[in-house]
Protein backbone atom coordinates (compact mmCIF):
# COMPACT_ATOMS: atom_id res chain seq x y z
CA UNK A 1 -52.09 -119.15 86.79
CA UNK A 2 -54.33 -120.21 83.96
CA UNK A 3 -53.35 -117.20 81.90
CA UNK A 4 -49.67 -118.08 82.28
CA UNK A 5 -50.21 -121.57 80.82
CA UNK A 6 -51.96 -120.27 77.68
CA UNK A 7 -49.26 -117.66 77.12
CA UNK A 8 -46.45 -120.19 77.37
CA UNK A 9 -47.43 -122.26 74.28
CA UNK A 10 -48.10 -119.05 72.34
CA UNK A 11 -44.66 -117.68 73.25
CA UNK A 12 -43.07 -120.98 72.29
CA UNK A 13 -44.94 -120.93 68.96
CA UNK A 14 -43.85 -117.32 68.35
CA UNK A 15 -40.25 -118.19 69.20
CA UNK A 16 -40.30 -121.13 66.78
CA UNK A 17 -41.83 -118.95 64.06
CA UNK A 18 -39.21 -116.24 64.63
CA UNK A 19 -36.41 -118.83 64.48
CA UNK A 20 -37.84 -120.27 61.26
CA UNK A 21 -38.06 -116.80 59.73
CA UNK A 22 -34.45 -116.02 60.67
CA UNK A 23 -33.28 -119.38 59.28
CA UNK A 24 -35.14 -118.68 56.02
CA UNK A 25 -33.62 -115.22 55.74
CA UNK A 26 -30.15 -116.57 56.47
CA UNK A 27 -30.61 -119.33 53.88
CA UNK A 28 -31.74 -116.87 51.23
CA UNK A 29 -28.78 -114.61 52.05
CA UNK A 30 -26.36 -117.52 51.56
CA UNK A 31 -28.01 -118.39 48.24
CA UNK A 32 -27.80 -114.74 47.17
CA UNK A 33 -24.19 -114.48 48.36
CA UNK A 34 -23.32 -117.51 46.22
CA UNK A 35 -23.79 -115.28 43.20
CA UNK A 36 -25.33 -115.65 39.80
CA UNK A 37 -24.77 -119.24 38.73
CA UNK A 38 -25.83 -118.56 35.14
CA UNK A 39 -22.80 -118.93 32.86
CA UNK A 40 -21.57 -115.53 31.70
CA UNK A 41 -20.36 -114.76 28.18
CA UNK A 42 -16.78 -113.50 27.92
CA UNK A 43 -15.60 -110.63 25.72
CA UNK A 44 -12.71 -112.06 23.70
CA UNK A 45 -12.58 -109.47 20.91
CA UNK A 46 -8.95 -108.61 21.79
CA UNK A 47 -7.83 -112.17 21.06
CA UNK A 48 -7.25 -113.65 17.61
CA UNK A 49 -10.15 -115.76 16.37
CA UNK A 50 -9.43 -119.49 16.50
CA UNK A 51 -12.19 -120.54 14.11
CA UNK A 52 -14.84 -123.21 14.46
CA UNK A 53 -12.57 -126.26 14.79
CA UNK A 54 -11.55 -126.78 18.43
CA UNK A 55 -7.82 -126.87 19.04
CA UNK A 56 -6.31 -129.75 20.97
CA UNK A 57 -3.66 -127.54 22.61
CA UNK A 58 -3.81 -124.13 24.24
CA UNK A 59 -2.81 -121.56 21.60
CA UNK A 60 -2.80 -118.75 24.19
CA UNK A 61 -0.20 -120.20 26.56
CA UNK A 62 1.77 -117.28 28.13
CA UNK A 63 -0.28 -114.71 26.15
CA UNK A 64 -0.69 -111.70 28.50
CA UNK A 65 -4.00 -110.52 26.96
CA UNK A 66 -5.41 -114.03 27.16
CA UNK A 67 -4.30 -114.36 30.78
CA UNK A 68 -6.02 -111.08 31.70
CA UNK A 69 -9.22 -112.09 29.91
CA UNK A 70 -8.99 -115.61 31.36
CA UNK A 71 -8.67 -114.26 34.89
CA UNK A 72 -11.87 -112.27 34.48
CA UNK A 73 -13.65 -115.17 32.76
CA UNK A 74 -12.57 -117.57 35.52
CA UNK A 75 -13.90 -115.25 38.22
CA UNK A 76 -17.21 -114.84 36.38
CA UNK A 77 -17.80 -118.50 35.55
CA UNK A 78 -15.57 -120.83 37.54
CA UNK A 79 -14.65 -119.28 40.90
CA UNK A 80 -17.99 -120.00 42.55
CA UNK A 81 -17.08 -123.71 42.51
CA UNK A 82 -13.31 -123.80 41.92
CA UNK A 83 -12.49 -120.90 44.26
CA UNK A 84 -11.16 -117.37 43.94
CA UNK A 85 -7.71 -117.28 42.34
CA UNK A 86 -8.34 -120.99 41.53
CA UNK A 87 -7.85 -121.96 45.20
CA UNK A 88 -10.63 -124.48 45.71
CA UNK A 89 -12.60 -124.49 48.92
CA UNK A 90 -13.35 -128.17 48.47
CA UNK A 91 -16.52 -128.00 46.37
CA UNK A 92 -14.75 -128.75 43.10
CA UNK A 93 -11.24 -129.79 42.05
CA UNK A 94 -8.38 -127.40 42.75
CA UNK A 95 -7.41 -126.38 39.21
CA UNK A 96 -3.94 -125.24 40.28
CA UNK A 97 -3.12 -128.95 40.43
CA UNK A 98 -4.40 -129.75 36.95
CA UNK A 99 -0.94 -130.10 35.40
CA UNK A 100 0.90 -131.55 38.42
CA UNK A 101 1.51 -134.88 36.70
CA UNK A 102 3.17 -133.07 33.81
CA UNK A 103 5.41 -131.00 36.05
CA UNK A 104 7.12 -134.09 37.45
CA UNK A 105 7.96 -135.53 34.02
CA UNK A 106 11.71 -135.47 33.38
CA UNK A 107 11.46 -136.50 29.72
CA UNK A 108 10.56 -133.41 27.64
CA UNK A 109 8.62 -135.41 25.03
CA UNK A 110 6.52 -137.06 27.74
CA UNK A 111 6.00 -133.69 29.42
CA UNK A 112 4.81 -132.14 26.13
CA UNK A 113 2.46 -135.09 25.51
CA UNK A 114 1.13 -134.77 29.07
CA UNK A 115 0.46 -131.02 28.65
CA UNK A 116 -1.34 -131.67 25.34
CA UNK A 117 -3.45 -134.40 26.95
CA UNK A 118 -4.34 -132.09 29.86
CA UNK A 119 -5.26 -129.29 27.45
CA UNK A 120 -7.61 -131.64 25.62
CA UNK A 121 -9.09 -132.93 28.90
CA UNK A 122 -9.63 -129.36 30.11
CA UNK A 123 -11.35 -128.10 26.95
CA UNK A 124 -13.53 -131.21 26.69
CA UNK A 125 -14.59 -130.95 30.34
CA UNK A 126 -15.40 -127.23 30.08
CA UNK A 127 -17.33 -127.72 26.85
CA UNK A 128 -19.36 -130.77 27.87
CA UNK A 129 -19.43 -130.50 31.66
CA UNK A 130 -19.42 -133.44 34.06
CA UNK A 131 -22.43 -135.59 34.92
CA UNK A 132 -22.43 -138.74 36.99
CA UNK A 133 -25.47 -140.93 37.70
CA UNK A 134 -27.72 -138.16 36.39
CA UNK A 135 -26.28 -135.52 38.75
CA UNK A 136 -24.61 -132.50 37.17
CA UNK A 137 -21.26 -131.85 38.82
CA UNK A 138 -20.22 -129.21 36.31
CA UNK A 139 -22.49 -127.56 33.75
CA UNK A 140 -21.50 -127.59 30.08
CA UNK A 141 -20.21 -124.23 28.86
CA UNK A 142 -20.19 -124.94 25.12
CA UNK A 143 -22.42 -122.35 23.49
CA UNK A 144 -21.75 -119.87 26.31
CA UNK A 145 -17.96 -119.77 26.24
CA UNK A 146 -16.30 -119.68 22.85
CA UNK A 147 -13.00 -121.42 22.14
CA UNK A 148 -11.04 -118.23 22.76
CA UNK A 149 -12.59 -117.85 26.23
CA UNK A 150 -11.92 -121.48 27.19
CA UNK A 151 -8.27 -121.25 26.18
CA UNK A 152 -7.90 -117.86 27.87
CA UNK A 153 -9.15 -119.43 31.13
CA UNK A 154 -6.62 -122.25 30.69
CA UNK A 155 -3.85 -119.68 30.04
CA UNK A 156 -4.83 -117.96 33.30
CA UNK A 157 -4.86 -121.27 35.20
CA UNK A 158 -1.36 -121.99 33.95
CA UNK A 159 -0.20 -118.91 35.86
CA UNK A 160 -1.77 -120.36 39.02
CA UNK A 161 -0.07 -123.77 38.87
CA UNK A 162 0.89 -125.39 42.13
CA UNK A 163 4.04 -126.84 40.50
CA UNK A 164 5.61 -124.88 37.63
CA UNK A 165 6.32 -126.79 34.42
C-alpha cells in the first residue's frame, strides 16, 4: 500500500509534465504555422517606376500586371493578419470593405473624391503602420515595400471589393 501512494504523486507529476510538453509543442507549432512575420520585399521590376514622390492616387488601378504582383505581395505581407484572398478572419480589418463608402456614392465627383481619399488613407497606413497607446496594430512597411508594391497591393484589393464601384 505504501508503494502505491508514492507512485501516485510521481504519476501525477509525470502526467502534468507530459501535458505541459504537449502544450508547449502545440504552441510552437501554432507560432510556426503563423508564418514568417518579417515583411517581405516585392519584385516590382515589371511595373513602371513611380519615382520618389508618393502618389496620392493609385496609378495601377485595373493594371493586370500590378494586380498579379499585388496578389503575391498581399499574400506575402498582409494575409497573415488580413486573411487569404483579403477575407479577414477577424484579426485585422477586412480590406474588401475598404471602399464601401465610395461604392454607395451616387454623385460621380463625390465618388472620385472618396476613392482618392481612400487611396491616400491606404498608402499612408501601409507606409507608417498603426500604433495605439504604444501597441503596434500594424507594422510600418515603408522601406520594405516600395511605392510600386503598395499600389500593386491596392490594385489587387480593388479586385476583391465587397461592393463594386
